[in-house]
Amino acid sequence: MVAAGDRLHVFRNLGGTWADVSERALRDGAERSGWHRPVALAVGDLDGDGDDDLVVRMELGKVRVLRNDGGSRHAALRVALAARVGNRSALGAKVEMAAGSLRQARSLVGDTGRRAG
C-alpha cells in the first residue's frame, strides 16, 4: 500500500515483479467516494487477527480504516513485553524469532513527545 500524492495505490508482490491491484483491492469504492489526497498511512493489526490493517488520514482530515479481512493463512504470534525495572512502555525492546535458518527481528521504537531544550 502506498499513499501517493493523488490517491492510494495497492501493489502485489509477484516474485520478480509488482502488479498494481488498486482497483480490485479497493473495490468498496473508497477511491471514488470522496476520498481526498492521502497524507498519512499507518499499518498495524487493529483487530488482533494476525494480519495488517491500515489507517489512512486524508488531506481534509477524514480518517479511514481499511481492515484486512481476507483471511489469515498463517498463524500469528503475540508477544507481551514486561519490563524488569522501569521502562513500562518497553521502548527499545527487541524480539528475535528463528525457525531453522529463517530469522526475523522486530524492535519497539517510540517517541515520548518531549523535546530537548
Protein backbone atom coordinates (compact mmCIF):
# COMPACT_ATOMS: atom_id res chain seq x y z
CA MET A 1 0.00 0.00 0.00
CA VAL A 2 1.34 3.40 -0.96
CA ALA A 3 -0.25 6.72 -0.04
CA ALA A 4 0.87 8.75 -3.03
CA GLY A 5 0.05 12.40 -3.54
CA ASP A 6 -3.08 11.77 -5.57
CA ARG A 7 -4.57 8.53 -4.22
CA LEU A 8 -3.96 5.17 -2.60
CA HIS A 9 -2.09 2.53 -4.59
CA VAL A 10 -2.03 -1.18 -3.78
CA PHE A 11 0.72 -3.36 -5.24
CA ARG A 12 1.06 -7.15 -5.06
CA ASN A 13 4.46 -8.81 -4.95
CA LEU A 14 4.58 -11.47 -7.70
CA GLY A 15 8.15 -12.54 -7.00
CA GLY A 16 10.21 -10.85 -9.69
CA THR A 17 7.75 -8.03 -10.34
CA TRP A 18 4.92 -5.99 -8.80
CA ALA A 19 1.32 -5.75 -10.05
CA ASP A 20 -0.94 -2.75 -9.44
CA VAL A 21 -4.11 -4.23 -7.89
CA SER A 22 -5.57 -0.95 -6.62
CA GLU A 23 -8.93 -1.28 -8.37
CA ARG A 24 -9.59 -4.79 -7.07
CA ALA A 25 -8.20 -4.19 -3.57
CA LEU A 26 -10.23 -1.02 -3.09
CA ARG A 27 -13.38 -2.36 -4.71
CA ASP A 28 -15.61 -0.92 -1.98
CA GLY A 29 -15.49 2.38 -3.83
CA ALA A 30 -13.07 4.02 -1.40
CA GLU A 31 -11.19 5.77 -4.19
CA ARG A 32 -14.36 7.10 -5.80
CA SER A 33 -16.38 8.07 -2.73
CA GLY A 34 -14.89 11.46 -1.91
CA TRP A 35 -11.52 10.43 -0.50
CA HIS A 36 -9.22 13.38 -0.92
CA ARG A 37 -5.45 13.09 -1.23
CA PRO A 38 -3.94 10.78 1.43
CA VAL A 39 -1.40 12.47 3.70
CA ALA A 40 -0.63 9.75 6.26
CA LEU A 41 -0.72 5.96 6.37
CA ALA A 42 -0.30 3.67 9.39
CA VAL A 43 -0.13 -0.12 9.36
CA GLY A 44 -0.90 -2.44 12.27
CA ASP A 45 -3.01 -5.37 13.41
CA LEU A 46 -6.03 -3.45 14.70
CA ASP A 47 -8.35 -6.41 15.24
CA GLY A 48 -5.81 -8.92 16.61
CA ASP A 49 -6.27 -11.48 13.84
CA GLY A 50 -2.61 -11.57 12.78
CA ASP A 51 -2.79 -9.61 9.52
CA ASP A 52 -2.06 -5.96 8.80
CA ASP A 53 -4.86 -3.40 8.74
CA LEU A 54 -4.48 0.21 7.56
CA VAL A 55 -5.44 3.63 8.86
CA VAL A 56 -5.33 6.46 6.30
CA ARG A 57 -5.64 10.17 7.05
CA MET A 58 -6.84 12.23 4.14
CA GLU A 59 -5.93 15.83 3.31
CA LEU A 60 -9.27 17.22 4.50
CA GLY A 61 -8.95 15.50 7.89
CA LYS A 62 -11.05 12.38 7.36
CA VAL A 63 -9.60 9.19 8.79
CA ARG A 64 -10.42 5.87 7.14
CA VAL A 65 -9.77 2.36 8.45
CA LEU A 66 -9.14 -0.42 5.92
CA ARG A 67 -9.43 -3.79 7.65
CA ASN A 68 -7.75 -6.79 6.09
CA ASP A 69 -10.46 -9.45 6.31
CA GLY A 70 -9.08 -11.62 3.51
CA GLY A 71 -8.36 -14.49 5.87
CA SER A 72 -5.15 -15.44 7.60
CA ARG A 73 -3.33 -18.36 6.03
CA HIS A 74 -0.60 -18.28 8.66
CA ALA A 75 -0.64 -18.33 12.43
CA ALA A 76 0.10 -15.13 14.33
CA LEU A 77 2.39 -14.67 17.29
CA ARG A 78 1.51 -12.26 20.09
CA VAL A 79 4.28 -11.17 22.43
CA ALA A 80 3.71 -9.37 25.74
CA LEU A 81 6.81 -7.49 26.83
CA ALA A 82 7.34 -6.97 30.55
CA ALA A 83 9.95 -4.65 31.98
CA ARG A 84 12.18 -5.89 34.81
CA VAL A 85 12.75 -2.38 36.11
CA GLY A 86 11.14 0.84 34.79
CA ASN A 87 10.53 1.32 31.05
CA ARG A 88 6.95 0.07 31.24
CA SER A 89 6.40 1.01 27.58
CA ALA A 90 9.16 -1.42 26.56
CA LEU A 91 10.75 1.22 24.30
CA GLY A 92 13.92 -0.16 22.78
CA ALA A 93 12.82 -3.79 23.26
CA LYS A 94 13.95 -6.26 20.61
CA VAL A 95 12.28 -9.56 19.76
CA GLU A 96 14.03 -12.15 17.60
CA MET A 97 12.40 -15.27 16.20
CA ALA A 98 14.12 -18.17 14.49
CA ALA A 99 12.97 -21.31 12.69
CA GLY A 100 15.89 -23.23 11.27
CA SER A 101 17.83 -20.84 9.05
CA LEU A 102 14.98 -18.29 8.94
CA ARG A 103 15.27 -15.33 11.30
CA GLN A 104 13.15 -12.26 11.92
CA ALA A 105 13.71 -9.37 14.32
CA ARG A 106 11.44 -6.53 15.45
CA SER A 107 12.22 -3.51 17.60
CA LEU A 108 9.81 -1.29 19.50
CA VAL A 109 10.64 2.33 18.82
CA GLY A 110 8.67 5.30 20.06
CA ASP A 111 8.69 8.98 20.85
CA THR A 112 7.51 10.42 24.12
CA GLY A 113 6.81 13.78 22.53
CA ARG A 114 9.28 15.53 24.84
CA ARG A 115 11.83 17.72 23.17
CA ALA A 116 15.33 18.58 24.33
CA GLY A 117 15.55 22.16 25.31
